[in-house]
Amino acid sequence: MESEEKIQEFKKIIENSDNIVFFGGAGVSTESGIPDFRSKDGLYNQKYDFPPETILSHTFFVNNTKEFYRFYKDKLNAIKFEPNITHTKLAELEKAGKLKAVVTQNIDGLHQKAGSKVVYELHGSIYRNYCTKCHKFYGPEIIFDENAEEIPVCECGGLIKPDVVLYEEGLDDDVVKGAINAIANADTLIVAGTSLTVYPASGLIRYFRGSNLILINRDATPYDYMANLVINDSLGKVFENVSI
């Protein structure tokens, strides 16, 4: 089946579904200008004193906090970016009552910026930060403002940490439960912009019991064999064809 035929098939499935869940990764936001991690231009292929996987770990955050924040402020500040057509269409599908939830591996907040209400952020959000001592919450400006301190500190003196899941840290149980419940009850699951190689997030796909599993990604994934529709094309091209 040619790409155009697949997109038409995708459109038909959307029209005939009323309990859709969208599960997305970094590829959802690349068309907004945010670099992903694993492509040839992604963060993992750029050169730093330490590999990004090391910098974005709990141990590095504790032991090299200044260097952690230098990288974090430079590479993970998504505040200036705007939602793209995929984010917008998903918000419209939710408003129309067709889409029940978005499950995302992204921390950029673009789904909410586009208007989505039910969003399970598996890896947290740059928009939430908390004091590791008194647990007071702060917005993103405490880190990303021009005049922000190199290392953000709470008024109580405690170190402020982004509410994002670093390597060596576990996912939030409530978020995972919500995502599993949404996926398990969906009749259509759209998995997009993710290589499905990061566990445990990738394992969530196995909870799907519905009729239509759709995978949209530029490259093949380990789960293509499970899907009844695989589209290797850009998300923007696919979603611009969706009419609500």
C-alpha atoms as a PDB file:
ATOM      1  CA  MET A   1       0.000   0.000   0.000  1.00  0.00           C
ATOM      2  CA  GLU A   2       1.396   3.409  -0.992  1.00  0.00           C
ATOM      3  CA  SER A   3       1.824   6.173   1.603  1.00  0.00           C
ATOM      4  CA  GLU A   4      -1.146   8.171   0.263  1.00  0.00           C
ATOM      5  CA  GLU A   5      -3.389   5.115   0.475  1.00  0.00           C
ATOM      6  CA  LYS A   6      -2.236   4.499   4.027  1.00  0.00           C
ATOM      7  CA  ILE A   7      -3.020   8.083   5.000  1.00  0.00           C
ATOM      8  CA  GLN A   8      -6.531   7.702   3.607  1.00  0.00           C
ATOM      9  CA  GLU A   9      -6.914   4.466   5.564  1.00  0.00           C
ATOM     10  CA  PHE A  10      -5.711   6.322   8.676  1.00  0.00           C
ATOM     11  CA  LYS A  11      -8.273   9.048   8.086  1.00  0.00           C
ATOM     12  CA  LYS A  12     -11.047   6.447   7.735  1.00  0.00           C
ATOM     13  CA  ILE A  13     -10.076   4.725  10.991  1.00  0.00           C
ATOM     14  CA  ILE A  14     -10.141   8.076  12.831  1.00  0.00           C
ATOM     15  CA  GLU A  15     -13.601   8.857  11.459  1.00  0.00           C
ATOM     16  CA  ASN A  16     -14.930   5.480  12.646  1.00  0.00           C
ATOM     17  CA  SER A  17     -13.343   5.561  16.121  1.00  0.00           C
ATOM     18  CA  ASP A  18     -14.660   7.215  19.264  1.00  0.00           C
ATOM     19  CA  ASN A  19     -12.142   6.035  21.863  1.00  0.00           C
ATOM     20  CA  ILE A  20      -8.707   6.973  20.543  1.00  0.00           C
ATOM     21  CA  VAL A  21      -5.506   7.184  22.559  1.00  0.00           C
ATOM     22  CA  PHE A  22      -2.356   8.787  21.153  1.00  0.00           C
ATOM     23  CA  PHE A  23       1.054   7.610  22.388  1.00  0.00           C
ATOM     24  CA  GLY A  24       3.906   9.820  21.182  1.00  0.00           C
ATOM     25  CA  GLY A  25       7.641  10.323  21.486  1.00  0.00           C
ATOM     26  CA  ALA A  26      10.254  12.882  20.484  1.00  0.00           C
ATOM     27  CA  GLY A  27       9.290  12.709  16.801  1.00  0.00           C
ATOM     28  CA  VAL A  28       6.007  14.466  17.614  1.00  0.00           C
ATOM     29  CA  SER A  29       7.887  17.648  18.520  1.00  0.00           C
ATOM     30  CA  THR A  30      10.666  17.666  15.924  1.00  0.00           C
ATOM     31  CA  GLU A  31       8.388  19.487  13.465  1.00  0.00           C
ATOM     32  CA  SER A  32       8.139  22.266  16.063  1.00  0.00           C
ATOM     33  CA  GLY A  33      11.930  22.586  15.869  1.00  0.00           C
ATOM     34  CA  ILE A  34      12.786  20.603  19.002  1.00  0.00           C
ATOM     35  CA  PRO A  35      15.633  18.128  18.348  1.00  0.00           C
ATOM     36  CA  ASP A  36      15.010  14.493  19.191  1.00  0.00           C
ATOM     37  CA  PHE A  37      17.542  12.241  20.869  1.00  0.00           C
ATOM     38  CA  ARG A  38      18.419   9.372  18.579  1.00  0.00           C
ATOM     39  CA  SER A  39      18.387  10.682  14.994  1.00  0.00           C
ATOM     40  CA  LYS A  40      21.659  11.627  13.303  1.00  0.00           C
ATOM     41  CA  ASP A  41      21.085  15.258  14.344  1.00  0.00           C
ATOM     42  CA  GLY A  42      19.727  14.381  17.786  1.00  0.00           C
ATOM     43  CA  LEU A  43      21.177  15.145  21.189  1.00  0.00           C
ATOM     44  CA  TYR A  44      22.829  11.744  21.518  1.00  0.00           C
ATOM     45  CA  ASN A  45      24.947  12.461  18.443  1.00  0.00           C
ATOM     46  CA  GLN A  46      26.155  15.895  19.529  1.00  0.00           C
ATOM     47  CA  LYS A  47      29.461  16.279  21.332  1.00  0.00           C
ATOM     48  CA  TYR A  48      29.722  17.290  24.993  1.00  0.00           C
ATOM     49  CA  ASP A  49      32.224  16.666  27.779  1.00  0.00           C
ATOM     50  CA  PHE A  50      29.897  13.896  28.921  1.00  0.00           C
ATOM     51  CA  PRO A  51      27.329  11.846  26.951  1.00  0.00           C
ATOM     52  CA  PRO A  52      23.745  13.195  27.318  1.00  0.00           C
ATOM     53  CA  GLU A  53      22.697   9.885  28.925  1.00  0.00           C
ATOM     54  CA  THR A  54      25.262  10.538  31.676  1.00  0.00           C
ATOM     55  CA  ILE A  55      24.341  14.203  32.154  1.00  0.00           C
ATOM     56  CA  LEU A  56      20.627  13.401  32.327  1.00  0.00           C
ATOM     57  CA  SER A  57      21.063  10.874  35.133  1.00  0.00           C
ATOM     58  CA  HIS A  58      20.163  11.152  38.792  1.00  0.00           C
ATOM     59  CA  THR A  59      23.757  10.519  39.864  1.00  0.00           C
ATOM     60  CA  PHE A  60      25.086  13.292  37.618  1.00  0.00           C
ATOM     61  CA  PHE A  61      22.398  15.707  38.849  1.00  0.00           C
ATOM     62  CA  VAL A  62      23.494  15.082  42.449  1.00  0.00           C
ATOM     63  CA  ASN A  63      27.252  15.038  41.875  1.00  0.00           C
ATOM     64  CA  ASN A  64      27.638  17.558  39.021  1.00  0.00           C
ATOM     65  CA  THR A  65      24.658  19.855  39.535  1.00  0.00           C
ATOM     66  CA  LYS A  66      26.186  22.926  37.888  1.00  0.00           C
ATOM     67  CA  GLU A  67      27.156  21.005  34.732  1.00  0.00           C
ATOM     68  CA  PHE A  68      23.728  19.322  34.699  1.00  0.00           C
ATOM     69  CA  TYR A  69      21.973  22.691  34.691  1.00  0.00           C
ATOM     70  CA  ARG A  70      24.295  24.121  32.047  1.00  0.00           C
ATOM     71  CA  PHE A  71      23.232  21.314  29.675  1.00  0.00           C
ATOM     72  CA  TYR A  72      19.590  21.346  30.790  1.00  0.00           C
ATOM     73  CA  LYS A  73      19.163  25.103  30.235  1.00  0.00           C
ATOM     74  CA  ASP A  74      20.971  24.956  26.899  1.00  0.00           C
ATOM     75  CA  LYS A  75      19.304  21.895  25.386  1.00  0.00           C
ATOM     76  CA  LEU A  76      15.949  21.264  27.087  1.00  0.00           C
ATOM     77  CA  ASN A  77      14.422  24.746  27.144  1.00  0.00           C
ATOM     78  CA  ALA A  78      11.283  24.220  25.043  1.00  0.00           C
ATOM     79  CA  ILE A  79       9.389  27.313  26.228  1.00  0.00           C
ATOM     80  CA  LYS A  80      10.014  29.260  23.007  1.00  0.00           C
ATOM     81  CA  PHE A  81       8.635  26.479  20.785  1.00  0.00           C
ATOM     82  CA  GLU A  82       5.056  26.297  19.537  1.00  0.00           C
ATOM     83  CA  PRO A  83       2.758  23.316  18.864  1.00  0.00           C
ATOM     84  CA  ASN A  84       2.705  21.922  15.329  1.00  0.00           C
ATOM     85  CA  ILE A  85      -0.158  20.510  13.257  1.00  0.00           C
ATOM     86  CA  THR A  86      -0.040  17.152  15.068  1.00  0.00           C
ATOM     87  CA  HIS A  87      -0.440  18.741  18.516  1.00  0.00           C
ATOM     88  CA  THR A  88      -3.249  20.955  17.200  1.00  0.00           C
ATOM     89  CA  LYS A  89      -5.182  18.146  15.500  1.00  0.00           C
ATOM     90  CA  LEU A  90      -4.938  15.959  18.601  1.00  0.00           C
ATOM     91  CA  ALA A  91      -6.371  18.757  20.748  1.00  0.00           C
ATOM     92  CA  GLU A  92      -9.218  19.136  18.233  1.00  0.00           C
ATOM     93  CA  LEU A  93      -9.888  15.390  18.299  1.00  0.00           C
ATOM     94  CA  GLU A  94     -10.104  15.521  22.094  1.00  0.00           C
ATOM     95  CA  LYS A  95     -12.467  18.488  21.970  1.00  0.00           C
ATOM     96  CA  ALA A  96     -14.665  16.553  19.516  1.00  0.00           C
ATOM     97  CA  GLY A  97     -14.851  13.668  22.012  1.00  0.00           C
ATOM     98  CA  LYS A  98     -12.926  11.190  19.861  1.00  0.00           C
ATOM     99  CA  LEU A  99      -9.534  11.292  21.570  1.00  0.00           C
ATOM    100  CA  LYS A 100      -9.633  10.247  25.227  1.00  0.00           C
ATOM    101  CA  ALA A 101      -5.983  10.738  26.198  1.00  0.00           C
ATOM    102  CA  VAL A 102      -2.485  11.611  25.066  1.00  0.00           C
ATOM    103  CA  VAL A 103       0.377   9.577  26.508  1.00  0.00           C
ATOM    104  CA  THR A 104       3.703  11.279  25.863  1.00  0.00           C
ATOM    105  CA  GLN A 105       7.376  10.647  26.474  1.00  0.00           C
ATOM    106  CA  ASN A 106       8.066  14.343  25.869  1.00  0.00           C
ATOM    107  CA  ILE A 107       8.671  16.937  28.577  1.00  0.00           C
ATOM    108  CA  ASP A 108       8.061  20.039  26.421  1.00  0.00           C
ATOM    109  CA  GLY A 109       4.408  20.712  27.358  1.00  0.00           C
ATOM    110  CA  LEU A 110       3.393  21.297  23.728  1.00  0.00           C
ATOM    111  CA  HIS A 111       0.290  19.084  23.931  1.00  0.00           C
ATOM    112  CA  GLN A 112      -1.119  21.268  26.712  1.00  0.00           C
ATOM    113  CA  LYS A 113      -0.020  24.413  24.866  1.00  0.00           C
ATOM    114  CA  ALA A 114      -2.109  23.213  21.898  1.00  0.00           C
ATOM    115  CA  GLY A 115      -5.151  22.708  24.149  1.00  0.00           C
ATOM    116  CA  SER A 116      -5.052  19.020  25.122  1.00  0.00           C
ATOM    117  CA  LYS A 117      -6.461  18.426  28.615  1.00  0.00           C
ATOM    118  CA  VAL A 118      -5.879  14.723  29.348  1.00  0.00           C
ATOM    119  CA  VAL A 119      -2.130  14.258  28.981  1.00  0.00           C
ATOM    120  CA  TYR A 120      -0.092  11.590  30.752  1.00  0.00           C
ATOM    121  CA  GLU A 121       3.504  12.839  30.808  1.00  0.00           C
ATOM    122  CA  LEU A 122       5.550   9.690  31.396  1.00  0.00           C
ATOM    123  CA  HIS A 123       8.829  11.572  31.760  1.00  0.00           C
ATOM    124  CA  GLY A 124       7.532  14.687  33.524  1.00  0.00           C
ATOM    125  CA  SER A 125       7.571  18.309  32.366  1.00  0.00           C
ATOM    126  CA  ILE A 126       9.972  21.240  32.180  1.00  0.00           C
ATOM    127  CA  TYR A 127       7.071  23.397  33.385  1.00  0.00           C
ATOM    128  CA  ARG A 128       7.169  21.847  36.873  1.00  0.00           C
ATOM    129  CA  ASN A 129      10.095  22.098  39.270  1.00  0.00           C
ATOM    130  CA  TYR A 130      10.240  21.383  42.970  1.00  0.00           C
ATOM    131  CA  CYS A 131      12.422  21.933  46.015  1.00  0.00           C
ATOM    132  CA  THR A 132      14.107  18.693  47.068  1.00  0.00           C
ATOM    133  CA  LYS A 133      13.933  19.861  50.693  1.00  0.00           C
ATOM    134  CA  CYS A 134      10.479  21.444  51.316  1.00  0.00           C
ATOM    135  CA  HIS A 135       8.790  20.264  48.069  1.00  0.00           C
ATOM    136  CA  LYS A 136       7.540  23.732  47.082  1.00  0.00           C
ATOM    137  CA  PHE A 137       6.733  23.854  43.356  1.00  0.00           C
ATOM    138  CA  TYR A 138       8.138  26.413  40.937  1.00  0.00           C
ATOM    139  CA  GLY A 139       7.421  27.320  37.316  1.00  0.00           C
ATOM    140  CA  PRO A 140       9.973  27.096  34.483  1.00  0.00           C
ATOM    141  CA  GLU A 141      11.165  30.691  34.934  1.00  0.00           C
ATOM    142  CA  ILE A 142      13.129  29.682  38.065  1.00  0.00           C
ATOM    143  CA  ILE A 143      15.455  27.825  35.684  1.00  0.00           C
ATOM    144  CA  PHE A 144      15.088  29.364  32.237  1.00  0.00           C
ATOM    145  CA  ASP A 145      14.833  33.112  32.921  1.00  0.00           C
ATOM    146  CA  GLU A 146      17.803  35.121  31.666  1.00  0.00           C
ATOM    147  CA  ASN A 147      18.691  36.215  35.188  1.00  0.00           C
ATOM    148  CA  ALA A 148      18.107  32.820  36.798  1.00  0.00           C
ATOM    149  CA  GLU A 149      20.834  31.483  39.069  1.00  0.00           C
ATOM    150  CA  GLU A 150      23.227  28.887  37.647  1.00  0.00           C
ATOM    151  CA  ILE A 151      21.858  26.437  40.209  1.00  0.00           C
ATOM    152  CA  PRO A 152      18.263  27.219  41.264  1.00  0.00           C
ATOM    153  CA  VAL A 153      17.735  27.281  45.010  1.00  0.00           C
ATOM    154  CA  CYS A 154      14.460  27.454  46.955  1.00  0.00           C
ATOM    155  CA  GLU A 155      13.745  30.239  49.445  1.00  0.00           C
ATOM    156  CA  CYS A 156      14.181  27.569  52.154  1.00  0.00           C
ATOM    157  CA  GLY A 157      17.702  26.894  50.877  1.00  0.00           C
ATOM    158  CA  GLY A 158      16.932  23.557  49.260  1.00  0.00           C
ATOM    159  CA  LEU A 159      18.058  22.557  45.775  1.00  0.00           C
ATOM    160  CA  ILE A 160      15.379  22.854  43.081  1.00  0.00           C
ATOM    161  CA  LYS A 161      15.031  19.902  40.703  1.00  0.00           C
ATOM    162  CA  PRO A 162      13.080  19.739  37.437  1.00  0.00           C
ATOM    163  CA  ASP A 163      10.067  17.421  37.702  1.00  0.00           C
ATOM    164  CA  VAL A 164      11.429  15.275  34.887  1.00  0.00           C
ATOM    165  CA  VAL A 165      12.372  11.605  35.042  1.00  0.00           C
ATOM    166  CA  LEU A 166      16.131  11.250  34.800  1.00  0.00           C
ATOM    167  CA  TYR A 167      18.021   8.055  34.033  1.00  0.00           C
ATOM    168  CA  GLU A 168      18.133   5.850  37.164  1.00  0.00           C
ATOM    169  CA  GLU A 169      14.762   7.225  38.313  1.00  0.00           C
ATOM    170  CA  GLY A 170      11.414   5.421  38.130  1.00  0.00           C
ATOM    171  CA  LEU A 171       8.270   6.657  36.401  1.00  0.00           C
ATOM    172  CA  ASP A 172       5.428   8.131  38.454  1.00  0.00           C
ATOM    173  CA  ASP A 173       3.059   5.295  39.429  1.00  0.00           C
ATOM    174  CA  ASP A 174      -0.116   7.375  39.059  1.00  0.00           C
ATOM    175  CA  VAL A 175       0.870   8.591  35.598  1.00  0.00           C
ATOM    176  CA  VAL A 176       1.709   5.052  34.471  1.00  0.00           C
ATOM    177  CA  LYS A 177      -1.582   3.686  35.851  1.00  0.00           C
ATOM    178  CA  GLY A 178      -3.539   6.416  34.062  1.00  0.00           C
ATOM    179  CA  ALA A 179      -1.720   5.725  30.792  1.00  0.00           C
ATOM    180  CA  ILE A 180      -2.250   1.955  31.068  1.00  0.00           C
ATOM    181  CA  ASN A 181      -5.946   2.400  31.824  1.00  0.00           C
ATOM    182  CA  ALA A 182      -6.426   4.728  28.840  1.00  0.00           C
ATOM    183  CA  ILE A 183      -4.554   2.409  26.462  1.00  0.00           C
ATOM    184  CA  ALA A 184      -6.324  -0.725  27.720  1.00  0.00           C
ATOM    185  CA  ASN A 185      -9.755   0.848  27.107  1.00  0.00           C
ATOM    186  CA  ALA A 186      -9.029   2.395  23.699  1.00  0.00           C
ATOM    187  CA  ASP A 187     -10.493   1.061  20.463  1.00  0.00           C
ATOM    188  CA  THR A 188      -7.759   2.799  18.454  1.00  0.00           C
ATOM    189  CA  LEU A 189      -4.165   3.375  19.592  1.00  0.00           C
ATOM    190  CA  ILE A 190      -1.978   5.702  17.526  1.00  0.00           C
ATOM    191  CA  VAL A 191       1.725   5.309  18.324  1.00  0.00           C
ATOM    192  CA  ALA A 192       3.804   8.019  16.672  1.00  0.00           C
ATOM    193  CA  GLY A 193       7.212   9.641  16.607  1.00  0.00           C
ATOM    194  CA  THR A 194       8.882   7.056  18.818  1.00  0.00           C
ATOM    195  CA  SER A 195      11.390   4.295  18.162  1.00  0.00           C
ATOM    196  CA  LEU A 196       9.701   2.232  20.919  1.00  0.00           C
ATOM    197  CA  THR A 197      13.096   1.245  22.291  1.00  0.00           C
ATOM    198  CA  VAL A 198      12.928   2.952  25.708  1.00  0.00           C
ATOM    199  CA  TYR A 199      11.568   0.701  28.442  1.00  0.00           C
ATOM    200  CA  PRO A 200       9.273   0.820  30.406  1.00  0.00           C
ATOM    201  CA  ALA A 201       7.424   3.332  28.212  1.00  0.00           C
ATOM    202  CA  SER A 202       7.620   1.070  25.153  1.00  0.00           C
ATOM    203  CA  GLY A 203       6.030  -1.778  27.109  1.00  0.00           C
ATOM    204  CA  LEU A 204       2.760   0.155  27.478  1.00  0.00           C
ATOM    205  CA  ILE A 205       1.772  -0.796  23.940  1.00  0.00           C
ATOM    206  CA  ARG A 206       1.224  -4.365  25.145  1.00  0.00           C
ATOM    207  CA  TYR A 207      -1.786  -3.274  27.218  1.00  0.00           C
ATOM    208  CA  PHE A 208      -3.739  -2.379  24.082  1.00  0.00           C
ATOM    209  CA  ARG A 209      -6.701  -4.687  23.418  1.00  0.00           C
ATOM    210  CA  GLY A 210      -8.589  -2.640  20.816  1.00  0.00           C
ATOM    211  CA  SER A 211      -9.180  -3.013  17.094  1.00  0.00           C
ATOM    212  CA  ASN A 212      -6.754  -0.582  15.459  1.00  0.00           C
ATOM    213  CA  LEU A 213      -3.071  -0.270  16.278  1.00  0.00           C
ATOM    214  CA  ILE A 214      -1.489   2.406  14.082  1.00  0.00           C
ATOM    215  CA  LEU A 215       2.256   3.107  14.028  1.00  0.00           C
ATOM    216  CA  ILE A 216       3.508   6.334  12.449  1.00  0.00           C
ATOM    217  CA  ASN A 217       7.270   6.784  12.413  1.00  0.00           C
ATOM    218  CA  ARG A 218       9.895   7.652   9.821  1.00  0.00           C
ATOM    219  CA  ASP A 219      11.795   4.438  10.607  1.00  0.00           C
ATOM    220  CA  ALA A 220      10.693   0.890  11.396  1.00  0.00           C
ATOM    221  CA  THR A 221      10.054  -0.064  15.040  1.00  0.00           C
ATOM    222  CA  PRO A 222      10.259  -3.408  16.869  1.00  0.00           C
ATOM    223  CA  TYR A 223       6.449  -3.392  17.122  1.00  0.00           C
ATOM    224  CA  ASP A 224       5.565  -2.922  13.444  1.00  0.00           C
ATOM    225  CA  TYR A 225       4.542  -6.570  13.198  1.00  0.00           C
ATOM    226  CA  MET A 226       1.771  -5.986  15.766  1.00  0.00           C
ATOM    227  CA  ALA A 227       0.154  -3.079  13.907  1.00  0.00           C
ATOM    228  CA  ASN A 228      -2.612  -3.245  11.340  1.00  0.00           C
ATOM    229  CA  LEU A 229      -1.406   0.036   9.807  1.00  0.00           C
ATOM    230  CA  VAL A 230       2.203   1.247   9.607  1.00  0.00           C
ATOM    231  CA  ILE A 231       2.961   4.635   8.028  1.00  0.00           C
ATOM    232  CA  ASN A 232       6.602   5.609   7.478  1.00  0.00           C
ATOM    233  CA  ASP A 233       6.072   9.280   6.757  1.00  0.00           C
ATOM    234  CA  SER A 234       6.120  12.647   8.504  1.00  0.00           C
ATOM    235  CA  LEU A 235       3.519  13.212  11.212  1.00  0.00           C
ATOM    236  CA  GLY A 236       2.628  16.610   9.804  1.00  0.00           C
ATOM    237  CA  LYS A 237       1.798  15.107   6.420  1.00  0.00           C
ATOM    238  CA  VAL A 238      -0.389  12.451   8.061  1.00  0.00           C
ATOM    239  CA  PHE A 239      -2.251  14.709  10.486  1.00  0.00           C
ATOM    240  CA  GLU A 240      -2.906  17.556   8.069  1.00  0.00           C
ATOM    241  CA  ASN A 241      -5.273  15.133   6.337  1.00  0.00           C
ATOM    242  CA  VAL A 242      -7.364  14.596   9.480  1.00  0.00           C
ATOM    243  CA  SER A 243     -10.647  16.476   9.417  1.00  0.00           C
ATOM    244  CA  ILE A 244     -12.608  16.838  12.634  1.00  0.00           C
END
